[in-house]
Protein backbone atom coordinates (compact mmCIF):
# COMPACT_ATOMS: atom_id res chain seq x y z
CA MET A 1 194.65 69.35 72.14
CA PHE A 2 194.88 65.86 70.60
CA ALA A 3 197.99 66.63 68.52
CA ARG A 4 199.75 68.48 71.33
CA CYS A 5 199.14 65.77 73.94
CA LEU A 6 200.03 62.95 71.53
CA VAL A 7 203.38 64.56 70.67
CA GLN A 8 203.96 65.32 74.34
CA SER A 9 203.43 61.70 75.43
CA LEU A 10 205.64 60.30 72.66
CA VAL A 11 208.54 62.73 73.15
CA SER A 12 208.55 62.61 76.97
CA GLY A 13 208.23 58.82 76.97
CA LEU A 14 211.13 58.37 74.55
CA LEU A 15 213.31 60.88 76.43
CA ALA A 16 212.64 59.09 79.71
CA LEU A 17 213.52 55.70 78.21
CA SER A 18 216.69 57.12 76.62
CA ILE A 19 218.06 58.12 80.04
CA GLY A 20 217.02 54.88 81.71
CA ILE A 21 213.85 56.14 83.45
CA ASN A 22 210.52 54.32 83.45
CA PRO A 23 207.98 56.84 82.07
CA LEU A 24 205.39 55.45 84.50
CA GLY A 25 207.53 56.36 87.52
CA ILE A 26 207.99 54.32 90.69
CA THR A 27 205.11 52.10 91.81
CA GLY A 28 204.30 53.96 95.01
CA VAL A 29 203.55 57.27 93.32
CA ARG A 30 201.93 56.29 90.02
CA PHE A 31 198.40 57.09 91.15
CA MET A 32 199.42 60.63 92.11
CA CYS A 33 201.16 61.06 88.74
CA LEU A 34 198.04 59.81 86.98
CA LEU A 35 195.91 62.20 89.02
CA ARG A 36 198.19 65.10 88.09
CA GLY A 37 197.89 64.23 84.42
CA ALA A 38 194.13 63.75 84.55
CA LEU A 39 193.46 67.04 86.35
CA GLY A 40 195.83 68.97 84.10
CA SER A 41 194.29 67.68 80.88
CA LEU A 42 190.76 68.14 82.25
CA GLY A 43 191.51 71.75 83.16
CA ASN A 44 192.85 72.44 79.67
CA PHE A 45 189.85 70.82 78.02
CA LEU A 46 187.40 72.83 80.12
CA LEU A 47 189.19 76.05 79.15
CA LEU A 48 189.08 75.16 75.45
CA TYR A 49 185.41 74.25 75.76
CA ALA A 50 184.65 77.60 77.39
CA VAL A 51 186.65 79.57 74.81
CA SER A 52 184.58 77.99 72.02
CA ARG A 53 181.36 79.33 73.56
CA ILE A 54 182.14 82.61 75.33
CA PRO A 55 184.57 85.47 74.57
CA MET A 56 188.20 84.47 75.04
CA ALA A 57 188.84 87.40 77.38
CA ASP A 58 186.06 86.29 79.72
CA ALA A 59 187.17 82.66 79.67
CA ASN A 60 190.84 83.45 80.31
CA THR A 61 190.08 85.92 83.08
CA ILE A 62 187.94 83.38 84.94
CA PHE A 63 190.42 80.58 84.28
CA PHE A 64 193.31 82.63 85.64
CA THR A 65 191.66 82.71 89.04
CA ASN A 66 193.35 79.30 89.46
CA PRO A 67 196.31 80.87 91.39
CA ILE A 68 193.79 81.91 94.06
CA PHE A 69 192.64 78.29 94.33
CA THR A 70 196.28 77.19 94.52
CA VAL A 71 197.00 79.49 97.47
CA ILE A 72 193.90 78.24 99.30
CA TYR A 73 194.79 74.60 98.62
CA ALA A 74 198.41 75.11 99.71
CA THR A 75 197.33 76.65 103.00
CA CYS A 76 194.58 74.12 103.78
CA LEU A 77 196.08 70.89 102.41
CA LEU A 78 199.86 71.34 102.65
CA HIS A 79 199.84 73.79 105.60
CA GLU A 80 202.51 75.83 103.83
CA PRO A 81 202.89 79.41 105.08
CA THR A 82 201.89 82.16 102.67
CA ALA A 83 203.95 85.33 102.93
CA ARG A 84 202.30 88.73 102.73
CA VAL A 85 204.27 89.62 99.63
CA GLU A 86 202.87 86.52 97.92
CA VAL A 87 199.28 87.49 98.75
CA ALA A 88 199.86 91.08 97.61
CA SER A 89 201.54 89.88 94.41
CA LEU A 90 198.68 87.50 93.74
CA ILE A 91 196.11 90.31 94.02
CA MET A 92 198.26 92.63 91.91
CA GLY A 93 198.75 89.97 89.24
CA PHE A 94 195.06 89.09 89.04
CA THR A 95 194.18 92.78 88.72
CA GLY A 96 196.62 92.93 85.83
CA VAL A 97 194.97 89.91 84.22
CA ILE A 98 191.59 91.66 84.34
CA LEU A 99 193.01 94.83 82.75
CA VAL A 100 194.72 92.89 79.95
CA MET A 101 191.75 90.63 79.21
CA ARG A 102 189.03 93.25 79.86
CA PRO A 103 186.12 90.79 80.19
CA THR A 104 182.86 91.98 78.68
CA THR A 105 181.03 91.41 81.95
CA MET A 106 183.05 94.23 83.53
CA PHE A 107 183.94 96.50 80.61
CA ASN A 108 180.69 96.58 78.63
CA SER A 109 179.19 100.04 78.32
CA LEU A 110 175.55 100.71 79.19
CA HIS A 111 174.67 101.03 75.49
CA GLU A 112 176.09 97.64 74.48
CA SER A 113 174.22 94.36 74.44
CA PRO A 114 174.52 92.01 77.44
CA SER A 115 177.71 89.98 77.68
CA PRO A 116 177.58 86.60 75.88
CA ILE A 117 178.87 85.00 79.06
CA THR A 118 175.47 85.47 80.71
CA GLU A 119 173.92 83.42 77.92
CA SER A 120 176.30 80.46 78.36
CA PRO A 121 175.98 79.25 81.96
CA LEU A 122 177.44 75.84 81.06
CA ALA A 123 180.58 77.41 79.61
CA LEU A 124 180.86 79.66 82.66
CA ALA A 125 180.57 76.65 84.98
CA ALA A 126 183.17 74.78 82.91
CA CYS A 127 185.59 77.70 83.20
CA ILE A 128 185.19 77.97 86.98
CA LEU A 129 185.60 74.21 87.37
CA GLY A 130 188.68 74.33 85.13
CA ALA A 131 190.22 77.01 87.36
CA ALA A 132 189.51 74.98 90.51
CA VAL A 133 190.92 71.81 88.94
CA SER A 134 194.04 73.49 87.52
CA GLY A 135 194.72 75.17 90.85
CA LEU A 136 195.11 71.73 92.41
CA VAL A 137 197.88 70.61 90.01
CA PRO A 138 200.79 72.45 91.76
CA ILE A 139 199.64 70.96 95.08
CA ILE A 140 199.78 67.41 93.71
CA VAL A 141 203.17 67.94 92.08
CA ARG A 142 204.50 69.48 95.30
CA ARG A 143 203.24 66.43 97.19
CA ILE A 144 204.97 64.11 94.73
CA GLY A 145 208.18 66.10 95.07
CA GLU A 146 211.30 64.87 93.34
CA SER A 147 210.50 61.19 93.82
CA VAL A 148 209.89 60.99 90.07
CA ASN A 149 211.57 62.70 87.17
CA HIS A 150 209.60 65.60 85.70
CA LEU A 151 209.55 63.70 82.38
CA CYS A 152 207.18 61.21 84.01
CA LEU A 153 204.77 64.00 84.94
CA VAL A 154 204.84 65.32 81.37
CA PHE A 155 204.24 61.78 80.08
CA TYR A 156 201.16 61.27 82.25
CA PHE A 157 199.74 64.63 81.16
CA GLY A 158 200.24 63.68 77.52
CA ILE A 159 198.67 60.23 77.87
CA THR A 160 195.60 61.40 79.78
CA GLY A 161 195.17 64.40 77.48
CA THR A 162 195.35 62.17 74.39
CA LEU A 163 192.75 59.78 75.82
CA LEU A 164 190.45 62.65 76.80
CA ALA A 165 190.73 64.37 73.41
CA THR A 166 190.17 61.08 71.58
CA THR A 167 187.06 60.39 73.65
CA MET A 168 185.67 63.85 72.94
CA LEU A 169 186.27 63.42 69.20
CA LEU A 170 184.74 59.94 69.01
CA THR A 171 181.65 60.92 70.99
CA GLY A 172 181.13 64.08 68.95
CA VAL A 173 181.40 66.42 71.93
CA GLN A 174 184.14 68.30 70.08
CA PRO A 175 184.06 67.86 66.27
CA LEU A 176 187.28 67.41 64.33
CA ALA A 177 188.16 70.54 62.36
CA THR A 178 190.67 70.38 59.51
CA PRO A 179 192.07 73.40 57.62
CA ALA A 180 191.24 74.09 53.99
CA SER A 181 193.72 72.74 51.46
CA THR A 182 194.83 76.24 50.47
CA GLU A 183 195.82 77.01 54.06
CA SER A 184 196.94 73.55 55.13
CA PHE A 185 200.71 74.24 55.16
CA LYS A 186 200.38 77.34 57.32
CA ALA A 187 197.86 75.66 59.62
CA PHE A 188 199.95 72.54 60.13
CA SER A 189 203.08 74.65 60.65
CA LEU A 190 201.28 76.49 63.44
CA LEU A 191 200.14 73.15 64.85
CA VAL A 192 203.74 71.91 64.97
CA ALA A 193 204.79 75.13 66.70
CA ILE A 194 202.02 74.69 69.27
CA CYS A 195 203.17 71.13 69.97
CA VAL A 196 206.83 72.11 70.39
CA LEU A 197 206.16 75.17 72.55
CA GLY A 198 203.59 73.30 74.64
CA LEU A 199 206.09 70.51 75.22
CA GLY A 200 208.77 72.94 76.38
CA THR A 201 206.30 74.66 78.68
CA GLN A 202 205.34 71.38 80.33
CA PHE A 203 208.98 70.39 80.87
CA THR A 204 209.89 73.63 82.62
CA PHE A 205 206.64 74.14 84.53
CA ASN A 206 206.55 70.62 85.99
CA LYS A 207 210.18 70.90 87.07
CA ALA A 208 209.46 74.26 88.72
CA MET A 209 206.44 72.88 90.59
CA GLN A 210 208.61 70.12 92.05
CA ILE A 211 211.13 72.48 93.63
CA GLU A 212 209.17 75.66 94.41
CA LYS A 213 206.21 76.55 96.61
CA PRO A 214 202.80 76.31 94.90
CA GLN A 215 202.06 79.92 95.87
CA VAL A 216 205.16 81.20 94.05
CA CYS A 217 204.42 79.04 90.99
CA ALA A 218 200.90 80.46 90.94
CA VAL A 219 202.14 84.06 90.89
CA LEU A 220 204.74 83.35 88.20
CA ARG A 221 202.13 81.56 86.11
CA SER A 222 200.32 84.88 85.67
CA LEU A 223 203.21 85.98 83.45
CA ASN A 224 201.54 83.85 80.78
CA VAL A 225 198.98 86.62 80.26
CA ALA A 226 201.60 89.36 79.96
CA PHE A 227 203.65 87.37 77.44
CA THR A 228 200.51 86.52 75.45
CA PHE A 229 199.73 90.24 75.24
CA MET A 230 203.30 91.00 74.15
CA TRP A 231 203.34 88.36 71.40
CA GLN A 232 199.91 89.49 70.25
CA GLN A 233 201.29 92.99 69.68
CA VAL A 234 204.29 91.58 67.80
CA GLY A 235 202.39 89.13 65.59
CA THR A 236 199.11 90.93 64.93
CA ALA A 237 197.87 94.39 64.02
CA ASP A 238 195.49 94.63 66.96
CA PRO A 239 195.37 98.09 68.58
CA THR A 240 197.14 98.52 71.90
CA SER A 241 195.02 99.60 74.85
CA SER A 242 196.47 101.68 77.67
CA LEU A 243 194.62 99.41 80.11
CA SER A 244 196.36 96.37 78.62
CA ILE A 245 199.77 98.00 79.02
CA MET A 246 198.92 98.91 82.61
CA GLY A 247 197.74 95.35 83.28
CA ALA A 248 200.88 93.80 81.80
CA CYS A 249 203.01 96.08 83.98
CA LEU A 250 201.07 94.99 87.08
CA ILE A 251 201.60 91.32 86.23
CA VAL A 252 205.33 91.79 85.68
CA SER A 253 205.58 93.88 88.87
CA SER A 254 203.88 91.15 90.90
CA THR A 255 206.41 88.62 89.64
CA VAL A 256 209.36 90.93 90.28
CA ALA A 257 208.11 91.52 93.84
CA VAL A 258 208.12 87.79 94.59
CA LEU A 259 211.56 87.28 93.04
CA LEU A 260 213.05 90.26 94.90
CA SER A 261 211.59 88.96 98.14
CA LYS A 262 213.28 85.60 97.61
CA ILE A 263 216.59 87.25 96.70
CA LEU A 264 216.50 89.45 99.81
CA ARG A 265 215.74 86.46 102.05
CA ALA A 266 218.60 84.53 100.49
CA GLY A 267 220.92 87.50 100.93
CA ALA A 268 219.94 87.76 104.59
CA GLY A 269 221.01 84.16 105.11
CA GLY A 270 217.51 82.77 105.51
CA LYS A 271 216.61 79.35 104.22
CA PRO A 272 214.37 79.25 101.16
CA GLN A 273 210.83 78.41 102.15
CA VAL A 274 210.78 75.39 99.87
CA GLU A 275 213.36 73.76 102.14
CA SER A 276 211.91 74.78 105.48
CA SER A 277 208.35 73.80 104.59
CA SER A 278 206.76 71.11 106.72
CA VAL A 279 205.09 69.37 103.80
CA GLN A 280 206.08 65.72 103.42
CA VAL A 281 206.85 64.70 99.87
CA TYR A 282 207.18 61.16 98.59
CA GLY A 283 210.83 61.57 97.70
CA ARG A 284 211.77 62.54 101.29
CA GLU A 285 209.79 60.13 103.43
């Protein structure tokens, strides 16, 4: 997390300065940008903490309940309407996440030992809190609107993430792990790839959250699980489960349903919901 966030803050800050933009954004919205960065980095840290103590499938399945939190927040805080197709797609996508991840709490047989998740209540609480925190990020970015460049949002995430990771390392909460010398080149190459791909993800995701409804962003975010499954099959020799294939298809179908709904509304001459929404953003006050 430290390396990724450090690279992210440096690259986004330099890119913003190169096009004449203050990486800190305008004065009236800096607190909201800082809050977005703090919540985003906290959510990521809580997920990583949980993954280190409970099975990854359990942690990711719980963490990917964050779209449900996003829909609730959008309805209660922004008063944005949620279409039926979005609710149905959300349920379909989350069902797909469960089938792909197959958490041990749900898929353990009667003859197997109890799930490790029941023995790590702190990790479970961290994962639930991470989902609730991450679900709030699209709401904050939607509230900020286009009053700041998306590079500023990426910069704040990088800065707060770097500070959080540094604090965790210095206090010993998360020990620093370095690869063995015989594997250092491969390990550091993967680290560079993580930094670059993470940076690209933040650029595109923050821009999308500025111009699209939080509910739609939440549904599309579930594609992360399907793509992870796909790349896992390409890059590893892990066996393919029929349940995983079914889950990936459900996730993709939920996304296609939302996109087709938007295309049909646009073809019928209706205004996109992002424009007709009553939410007041900083850039349009």
